[in-house]
Protein backbone atom coordinates (compact mmCIF):
# COMPACT_ATOMS: atom_id res chain seq x y z
CA MET A 1 0.42 0.28 0.47
CA GLU A 2 1.01 3.10 -0.56
CA ASN A 3 1.46 6.17 1.68
CA ASN A 4 0.15 9.38 0.22
CA LYS A 5 0.15 11.25 4.01
CA THR A 6 1.98 14.33 3.27
CA THR A 7 2.64 16.32 6.63
CA SER A 8 3.32 20.09 6.91
CA PRO A 9 5.96 21.48 8.20
CA SER A 10 4.62 24.41 9.90
CA LYS A 11 1.55 22.35 12.06
CA GLY A 12 2.73 18.69 11.53
CA LEU A 13 -0.74 18.19 10.19
CA HIS A 14 -1.40 15.35 8.01
CA TRP A 15 -3.61 15.44 4.92
CA ASP A 16 -4.14 13.31 1.56
CA GLU A 17 -2.94 14.70 -1.21
CA LYS A 18 -5.23 13.59 -3.83
CA GLU A 19 -7.62 16.47 -1.46
CA PHE A 20 -5.05 18.86 -2.81
CA PRO A 21 -3.96 18.42 -6.34
CA GLU A 22 -1.15 19.95 -7.60
CA GLN A 23 -2.07 23.12 -9.35
CA PRO A 24 -1.22 23.73 -13.08
CA PRO A 25 1.21 26.01 -14.19
CA VAL A 26 1.52 29.50 -13.38
CA GLN A 27 0.25 31.11 -17.11
CA ARG A 28 1.84 35.00 -17.43
CA ASN A 29 -1.00 37.44 -16.82
CA GLU A 30 -0.36 40.79 -18.44
CA LEU A 31 -2.54 42.84 -15.65
CA LEU A 32 -0.64 41.05 -12.30
CA GLU A 33 2.64 41.74 -14.38
CA ALA A 34 1.71 45.60 -15.35
CA LEU A 35 0.47 45.67 -10.93
CA SER A 36 3.58 44.07 -10.14
CA ASP A 37 5.77 46.42 -12.20
CA LEU A 38 3.83 49.38 -10.47
CA VAL A 39 4.72 47.84 -6.90
CA ARG A 40 8.40 47.25 -7.68
CA LYS A 41 8.28 51.37 -8.71
CA GLY A 42 6.45 52.14 -5.18
CA GLU A 43 3.56 53.10 -6.73
CA PRO A 44 -0.12 52.64 -4.82
CA ILE A 45 -2.85 50.09 -5.39
CA GLY A 46 -5.96 48.96 -4.36
CA PHE A 47 -5.53 46.60 -1.69
CA PHE A 48 -7.20 43.30 -3.34
CA GLU A 49 -5.00 44.58 -6.84
CA ALA A 50 -1.76 43.81 -3.77
CA VAL A 51 -3.24 40.22 -2.56
CA ALA A 52 -3.36 39.55 -5.92
CA VAL A 53 0.00 40.22 -6.90
CA ALA A 54 1.52 39.02 -3.82
CA ASP A 55 -0.13 35.66 -4.39
CA TYR A 56 0.95 35.56 -8.50
CA GLN A 57 4.35 36.17 -6.97
CA THR A 58 4.61 33.61 -5.05
CA ARG A 59 3.17 31.16 -7.70
CA LEU A 60 5.63 32.11 -9.87
CA GLN A 61 9.07 31.73 -7.00
CA LYS A 62 7.01 28.09 -6.27
CA GLU A 63 6.99 27.41 -10.02
CA ARG A 64 10.58 28.34 -10.66
CA GLU A 65 12.18 26.79 -7.24
CA ALA A 66 10.52 23.53 -8.45
CA LYS A 67 11.85 24.15 -11.86
CA LYS A 68 14.58 24.13 -10.29
CA ALA A 69 14.66 21.32 -8.06
CA LYS A 70 14.22 18.97 -10.58
CA THR A 71 17.53 19.82 -12.19
CA LEU A 72 20.47 17.69 -11.58
CA TRP A 73 22.10 20.49 -9.40
CA GLY A 74 19.00 21.16 -7.92
CA ARG A 75 18.69 17.48 -7.21
CA LEU A 76 22.63 17.89 -5.93
CA LYS A 77 21.46 20.72 -3.39
CA ALA A 78 19.11 18.19 -1.87
CA PHE A 79 21.00 15.58 -1.30
CA PHE A 80 23.58 17.67 0.42
CA LYS A 81 21.59 18.86 2.23
CA ARG A 82 19.58 16.31 3.08
CA SER A 83 22.88 14.61 4.25
CA LYS A 84 23.91 17.55 6.84
CA LYS A 85 21.08 17.06 8.31
CA SER A 86 21.97 13.33 9.35
């Protein structure tokens, strides 16, 4: 039997991976890109737009990190991190 349970590192909660499938890749959104540029420049935007931009940027960052983790260099880094903790 395969164990599909995952542990949340922050709270130690368990959930079934089937309940929370992976999200599809983030598609570039021109409006959110433009709002991100305004945020980088320090120009004010609305609260809900700021929340949407933060979510968008977080999803982009997670996607980039996941792509890096699949490379040979990323796997080597993860291997040495795990062996360092042991």
